[in-house]
């Protein structure tokens, strides 16, 4: 049994902001559609820029993040990832960072989930 090949046409999925009361959830954000190649810092910056736009559309910003989860495909990337993280979060929210064997899209090295509370 073989796994299905990744189909880039699935990237055209509709994106929408989901809120539950005063809470905004942004899960599974990856750099699948970035031009950053395999550079962990470019992928991280791309994902966090994208998340900033998502949160702005929901009426909040990254300063409202109260919880974060990060999946890296290689923990050797952590230091480089964290440098970019600190650009976006000078006073960072609580974060769990784990290593995973792979992400849904080949070549993606970081996935970020954020939870924010509207001010």
N, C-alpha and C. Protein backbone atom coordinates (compact mmCIF):
# COMPACT_ATOMS: atom_id res chain seq x y z
N UNK A 1 0.84 -1.18 0.00
CA UNK A 1 0.00 0.00 0.00
C UNK A 1 0.89 1.24 0.00
N UNK A 2 0.69 2.15 -0.93
CA UNK A 2 1.49 3.36 -0.98
C UNK A 2 0.66 4.56 -0.55
N UNK A 3 1.36 5.57 -0.06
CA UNK A 3 0.69 6.79 0.36
C UNK A 3 0.37 7.64 -0.85
N UNK A 4 -0.72 8.39 -0.83
CA UNK A 4 -1.04 9.26 -1.96
C UNK A 4 0.00 10.38 -2.06
N UNK A 5 0.24 10.83 -3.27
CA UNK A 5 1.17 11.93 -3.49
C UNK A 5 0.54 13.24 -3.04
N UNK A 6 1.36 14.16 -2.59
CA UNK A 6 0.89 15.48 -2.16
C UNK A 6 0.42 16.26 -3.37
N UNK A 7 -0.76 16.80 -3.30
CA UNK A 7 -1.35 17.55 -4.41
C UNK A 7 -1.39 19.03 -4.02
N UNK A 8 -0.58 19.86 -4.71
CA UNK A 8 -0.51 21.28 -4.39
C UNK A 8 -1.82 22.02 -4.64
N UNK A 9 -2.71 21.47 -5.41
CA UNK A 9 -3.98 22.14 -5.67
C UNK A 9 -4.81 22.27 -4.39
N UNK A 10 -4.51 21.45 -3.38
CA UNK A 10 -5.26 21.53 -2.12
C UNK A 10 -4.94 22.81 -1.36
N UNK A 11 -3.88 23.54 -1.77
CA UNK A 11 -3.53 24.78 -1.09
C UNK A 11 -4.56 25.87 -1.32
N UNK A 12 -5.40 25.69 -2.30
CA UNK A 12 -6.40 26.71 -2.62
C UNK A 12 -7.61 26.64 -1.70
N UNK A 13 -7.50 25.90 -0.61
CA UNK A 13 -8.61 25.77 0.32
C UNK A 13 -9.01 27.13 0.88
N UNK A 14 -10.29 27.30 1.15
CA UNK A 14 -10.80 28.53 1.74
C UNK A 14 -10.26 28.64 3.16
N UNK A 15 -9.79 29.82 3.50
CA UNK A 15 -9.31 30.07 4.86
C UNK A 15 -10.33 30.93 5.58
N UNK A 16 -10.58 30.63 6.83
CA UNK A 16 -11.49 31.44 7.60
C UNK A 16 -11.03 31.52 9.04
N UNK A 17 -11.36 32.62 9.68
CA UNK A 17 -11.02 32.82 11.08
C UNK A 17 -12.10 32.19 11.92
N UNK A 18 -11.68 31.40 12.91
CA UNK A 18 -12.63 30.73 13.79
C UNK A 18 -12.46 31.29 15.19
N UNK A 19 -13.56 31.77 15.75
CA UNK A 19 -13.54 32.28 17.12
C UNK A 19 -14.56 31.51 17.93
N UNK A 20 -14.28 31.41 19.22
CA UNK A 20 -15.22 30.79 20.15
C UNK A 20 -15.33 31.75 21.31
N UNK A 21 -16.39 32.53 21.31
CA UNK A 21 -16.50 33.57 22.33
C UNK A 21 -15.41 34.60 22.11
N UNK A 22 -14.58 34.81 23.14
CA UNK A 22 -13.48 35.77 23.03
C UNK A 22 -12.16 35.10 22.68
N UNK A 23 -12.20 33.84 22.25
CA UNK A 23 -10.98 33.10 21.97
C UNK A 23 -10.83 32.87 20.48
N UNK A 24 -9.60 33.07 19.98
CA UNK A 24 -9.29 32.85 18.57
C UNK A 24 -8.29 31.71 18.48
N UNK A 25 -8.57 30.74 17.62
CA UNK A 25 -7.70 29.58 17.44
C UNK A 25 -7.14 29.59 16.02
N UNK A 26 -5.84 29.46 15.91
CA UNK A 26 -5.18 29.32 14.60
C UNK A 26 -4.29 28.09 14.71
N UNK A 27 -4.71 27.01 14.08
CA UNK A 27 -4.00 25.74 14.24
C UNK A 27 -3.41 25.26 12.93
N UNK A 28 -2.30 24.54 13.04
CA UNK A 28 -1.71 23.87 11.90
C UNK A 28 -1.14 24.78 10.84
N UNK A 29 -0.63 25.94 11.22
CA UNK A 29 -0.10 26.87 10.24
C UNK A 29 1.32 26.47 9.83
N UNK A 30 1.50 26.26 8.52
CA UNK A 30 2.80 25.87 7.98
C UNK A 30 3.14 26.79 6.81
N UNK A 31 4.36 26.66 6.31
CA UNK A 31 4.83 27.50 5.20
C UNK A 31 4.70 26.77 3.88
N UNK A 32 3.60 26.07 3.67
CA UNK A 32 3.43 25.26 2.46
C UNK A 32 3.44 26.11 1.20
N UNK A 33 2.92 27.33 1.30
CA UNK A 33 2.82 28.17 0.11
C UNK A 33 3.85 29.30 0.11
N UNK A 34 4.90 29.16 0.93
CA UNK A 34 5.92 30.21 0.98
C UNK A 34 6.97 29.98 -0.08
N UNK A 35 7.75 31.00 -0.33
CA UNK A 35 8.87 30.90 -1.25
C UNK A 35 10.17 30.81 -0.46
N UNK A 36 10.06 30.46 0.82
CA UNK A 36 11.22 30.45 1.70
C UNK A 36 12.10 29.23 1.57
N UNK A 37 11.68 28.28 0.75
CA UNK A 37 12.49 27.08 0.61
C UNK A 37 12.57 26.34 1.93
N UNK A 38 13.72 25.78 2.20
CA UNK A 38 13.86 24.95 3.39
C UNK A 38 14.49 25.69 4.56
N UNK A 39 14.72 26.98 4.45
CA UNK A 39 15.34 27.77 5.51
C UNK A 39 14.36 27.92 6.68
N UNK A 40 14.75 27.43 7.85
CA UNK A 40 13.84 27.45 9.01
C UNK A 40 13.47 28.87 9.41
N UNK A 41 14.38 29.81 9.31
CA UNK A 41 14.05 31.18 9.71
C UNK A 41 13.06 31.81 8.73
N UNK A 42 13.24 31.57 7.45
CA UNK A 42 12.30 32.12 6.47
C UNK A 42 10.92 31.48 6.64
N UNK A 43 10.89 30.17 6.87
CA UNK A 43 9.60 29.51 7.08
C UNK A 43 8.92 30.03 8.34
N UNK A 44 9.68 30.20 9.41
CA UNK A 44 9.11 30.69 10.67
C UNK A 44 8.56 32.10 10.49
N UNK A 45 9.33 32.96 9.86
CA UNK A 45 8.89 34.34 9.63
C UNK A 45 7.63 34.37 8.77
N UNK A 46 7.59 33.54 7.74
CA UNK A 46 6.43 33.47 6.87
C UNK A 46 5.18 33.06 7.65
N UNK A 47 5.30 32.02 8.47
CA UNK A 47 4.15 31.52 9.24
C UNK A 47 3.69 32.58 10.24
N UNK A 48 4.61 33.22 10.94
CA UNK A 48 4.23 34.21 11.94
C UNK A 48 3.64 35.47 11.29
N UNK A 49 4.15 35.86 10.12
CA UNK A 49 3.53 36.97 9.38
C UNK A 49 2.09 36.61 9.01
N UNK A 50 1.91 35.38 8.52
CA UNK A 50 0.57 34.91 8.13
C UNK A 50 -0.36 34.90 9.35
N UNK A 51 0.14 34.40 10.47
CA UNK A 51 -0.67 34.36 11.69
C UNK A 51 -1.02 35.78 12.16
N UNK A 52 -0.11 36.71 12.01
CA UNK A 52 -0.39 38.10 12.37
C UNK A 52 -1.57 38.64 11.57
N UNK A 53 -1.61 38.32 10.27
CA UNK A 53 -2.73 38.77 9.42
C UNK A 53 -4.03 38.09 9.82
N UNK A 54 -3.95 36.81 10.14
CA UNK A 54 -5.15 36.07 10.57
C UNK A 54 -5.72 36.69 11.85
N UNK A 55 -4.84 36.96 12.81
CA UNK A 55 -5.31 37.53 14.07
C UNK A 55 -5.85 38.94 13.88
N UNK A 56 -5.24 39.71 13.00
CA UNK A 56 -5.75 41.06 12.72
C UNK A 56 -7.16 40.98 12.15
N UNK A 57 -7.40 40.03 11.26
CA UNK A 57 -8.74 39.84 10.69
C UNK A 57 -9.75 39.47 11.76
N UNK A 58 -9.28 38.83 12.83
CA UNK A 58 -10.17 38.43 13.92
C UNK A 58 -10.33 39.53 14.97
N UNK A 59 -9.64 40.65 14.79
CA UNK A 59 -9.79 41.76 15.72
C UNK A 59 -8.80 41.75 16.87
N UNK A 60 -7.69 41.04 16.73
CA UNK A 60 -6.67 41.03 17.77
C UNK A 60 -5.29 41.00 17.11
N UNK A 61 -4.27 40.80 17.89
CA UNK A 61 -2.93 40.68 17.30
C UNK A 61 -2.10 39.68 18.10
N UNK A 62 -0.84 39.54 17.73
CA UNK A 62 0.00 38.53 18.37
C UNK A 62 0.24 38.83 19.85
N UNK A 63 0.04 40.07 20.27
CA UNK A 63 0.18 40.40 21.70
C UNK A 63 -0.93 39.76 22.54
N UNK A 64 -1.99 39.30 21.88
CA UNK A 64 -3.11 38.69 22.58
C UNK A 64 -2.97 37.17 22.72
N UNK A 65 -1.87 36.61 22.20
CA UNK A 65 -1.65 35.16 22.26
C UNK A 65 -1.40 34.74 23.71
N UNK A 66 -2.13 33.71 24.14
CA UNK A 66 -1.98 33.20 25.51
C UNK A 66 -1.41 31.79 25.55
N UNK A 67 -1.32 31.14 24.40
CA UNK A 67 -0.82 29.77 24.35
C UNK A 67 -0.28 29.48 22.96
N UNK A 68 0.82 28.75 22.90
CA UNK A 68 1.37 28.38 21.60
C UNK A 68 1.94 26.98 21.64
N UNK A 69 1.85 26.33 20.48
CA UNK A 69 2.46 25.01 20.31
C UNK A 69 3.21 25.02 18.99
N UNK A 70 4.45 24.53 19.03
CA UNK A 70 5.30 24.52 17.85
C UNK A 70 5.79 23.10 17.61
N UNK A 71 5.71 22.66 16.36
CA UNK A 71 6.26 21.38 15.95
C UNK A 71 7.40 21.65 14.98
N UNK A 72 8.57 21.13 15.29
CA UNK A 72 9.74 21.24 14.42
C UNK A 72 10.09 19.85 13.92
N UNK A 73 10.51 19.75 12.67
CA UNK A 73 10.91 18.45 12.16
C UNK A 73 12.33 18.09 12.58
N UNK A 74 13.07 19.07 13.11
CA UNK A 74 14.43 18.82 13.58
C UNK A 74 14.74 19.79 14.72
N UNK A 75 14.93 19.28 15.92
CA UNK A 75 15.21 20.16 17.06
C UNK A 75 16.54 20.89 16.93
N UNK A 76 17.39 20.46 15.99
CA UNK A 76 18.62 21.22 15.72
C UNK A 76 18.29 22.61 15.18
N UNK A 77 17.07 22.79 14.67
CA UNK A 77 16.62 24.09 14.14
C UNK A 77 16.14 25.03 15.24
N UNK A 78 16.02 24.54 16.47
CA UNK A 78 15.36 25.33 17.53
C UNK A 78 15.98 26.71 17.72
N UNK A 79 17.29 26.79 17.80
CA UNK A 79 17.96 28.07 18.05
C UNK A 79 17.62 29.09 16.96
N UNK A 80 17.62 28.66 15.70
CA UNK A 80 17.33 29.56 14.58
C UNK A 80 15.85 29.92 14.56
N UNK A 81 15.00 28.97 14.85
CA UNK A 81 13.57 29.23 14.97
C UNK A 81 13.32 30.26 16.07
N UNK A 82 13.95 30.05 17.23
CA UNK A 82 13.71 30.90 18.40
C UNK A 82 14.16 32.34 18.17
N UNK A 83 15.18 32.55 17.37
CA UNK A 83 15.61 33.91 17.05
C UNK A 83 14.49 34.68 16.37
N UNK A 84 13.83 34.05 15.42
CA UNK A 84 12.71 34.70 14.73
C UNK A 84 11.52 34.84 15.66
N UNK A 85 11.24 33.81 16.45
CA UNK A 85 10.13 33.84 17.41
C UNK A 85 10.23 35.09 18.29
N UNK A 86 11.43 35.37 18.77
CA UNK A 86 11.63 36.51 19.68
C UNK A 86 11.44 37.85 18.98
N UNK A 87 11.56 37.90 17.66
CA UNK A 87 11.26 39.13 16.91
C UNK A 87 9.76 39.44 17.00
N UNK A 88 8.95 38.39 16.95
CA UNK A 88 7.50 38.55 16.96
C UNK A 88 6.93 38.59 18.37
N UNK A 89 7.62 37.97 19.32
CA UNK A 89 7.15 37.89 20.70
C UNK A 89 8.27 38.31 21.65
N UNK A 90 8.50 39.63 21.81
CA UNK A 90 9.54 40.08 22.76
C UNK A 90 9.27 39.59 24.18
N UNK A 91 7.97 39.49 24.52
CA UNK A 91 7.56 38.91 25.79
C UNK A 91 6.69 37.69 25.43
N UNK A 92 7.34 36.53 25.21
CA UNK A 92 6.64 35.40 24.61
C UNK A 92 5.56 34.77 25.48
N UNK A 93 4.53 34.25 24.81
CA UNK A 93 3.48 33.51 25.52
C UNK A 93 4.01 32.13 25.90
N UNK A 94 3.32 31.42 26.78
CA UNK A 94 3.71 30.04 27.08
C UNK A 94 3.75 29.23 25.78
N UNK A 95 4.78 28.39 25.68
CA UNK A 95 4.97 27.65 24.43
C UNK A 95 5.43 26.23 24.73
N UNK A 96 4.87 25.29 23.98
CA UNK A 96 5.35 23.92 23.97
C UNK A 96 5.99 23.72 22.61
N UNK A 97 7.21 23.19 22.59
CA UNK A 97 7.91 22.91 21.33
C UNK A 97 8.29 21.44 21.32
N UNK A 98 7.89 20.75 20.27
CA UNK A 98 8.18 19.32 20.16
C UNK A 98 8.77 19.02 18.79
N UNK A 99 9.47 17.90 18.71
CA UNK A 99 9.96 17.42 17.42
C UNK A 99 8.98 16.38 16.89
N UNK A 100 8.69 16.48 15.59
CA UNK A 100 7.84 15.50 14.92
C UNK A 100 8.64 14.89 13.77
N UNK A 101 8.25 13.70 13.36
CA UNK A 101 9.00 13.03 12.30
C UNK A 101 8.80 13.70 10.94
N UNK A 102 7.64 14.29 10.72
CA UNK A 102 7.35 14.97 9.45
C UNK A 102 6.08 15.79 9.62
N UNK A 103 5.89 16.74 8.71
CA UNK A 103 4.66 17.51 8.67
C UNK A 103 3.88 17.09 7.43
N UNK A 104 2.64 17.56 7.32
CA UNK A 104 1.75 17.11 6.25
C UNK A 104 2.28 17.44 4.86
N UNK A 105 3.03 18.52 4.73
CA UNK A 105 3.56 18.94 3.43
C UNK A 105 5.07 18.75 3.43
N UNK A 106 5.58 17.95 2.52
CA UNK A 106 7.03 17.73 2.44
C UNK A 106 7.78 19.06 2.28
N UNK A 107 8.89 19.18 3.00
CA UNK A 107 9.70 20.39 2.93
C UNK A 107 9.38 21.39 4.03
N UNK A 108 8.20 21.29 4.62
CA UNK A 108 7.86 22.19 5.72
C UNK A 108 8.59 21.71 6.96
N UNK A 109 9.19 22.66 7.68
CA UNK A 109 10.00 22.30 8.84
C UNK A 109 9.40 22.78 10.16
N UNK A 110 8.36 23.63 10.08
CA UNK A 110 7.76 24.17 11.30
C UNK A 110 6.25 24.29 11.13
N UNK A 111 5.54 23.95 12.19
CA UNK A 111 4.09 24.14 12.26
C UNK A 111 3.79 24.85 13.56
N UNK A 112 2.91 25.86 13.50
CA UNK A 112 2.62 26.67 14.68
C UNK A 112 1.11 26.74 14.91
N UNK A 113 0.71 26.50 16.15
CA UNK A 113 -0.67 26.67 16.61
C UNK A 113 -0.66 27.79 17.64
N UNK A 114 -1.57 28.75 17.52
CA UNK A 114 -1.67 29.83 18.50
C UNK A 114 -3.10 29.96 18.99
N UNK A 115 -3.25 30.33 20.25
CA UNK A 115 -4.54 30.64 20.83
C UNK A 115 -4.46 32.04 21.42
N UNK A 116 -5.41 32.89 21.07
CA UNK A 116 -5.43 34.26 21.58
C UNK A 116 -6.77 34.55 22.24
N UNK A 117 -6.75 35.51 23.13
CA UNK A 117 -7.98 35.97 23.78
C UNK A 117 -8.16 37.43 23.41
N UNK A 118 -9.35 37.78 22.88
CA UNK A 118 -9.63 39.15 22.48
C UNK A 118 -9.58 40.06 23.72
N UNK A 119 -8.94 41.19 23.51
CA UNK A 119 -8.60 42.06 24.63
C UNK A 119 -9.74 42.49 25.44
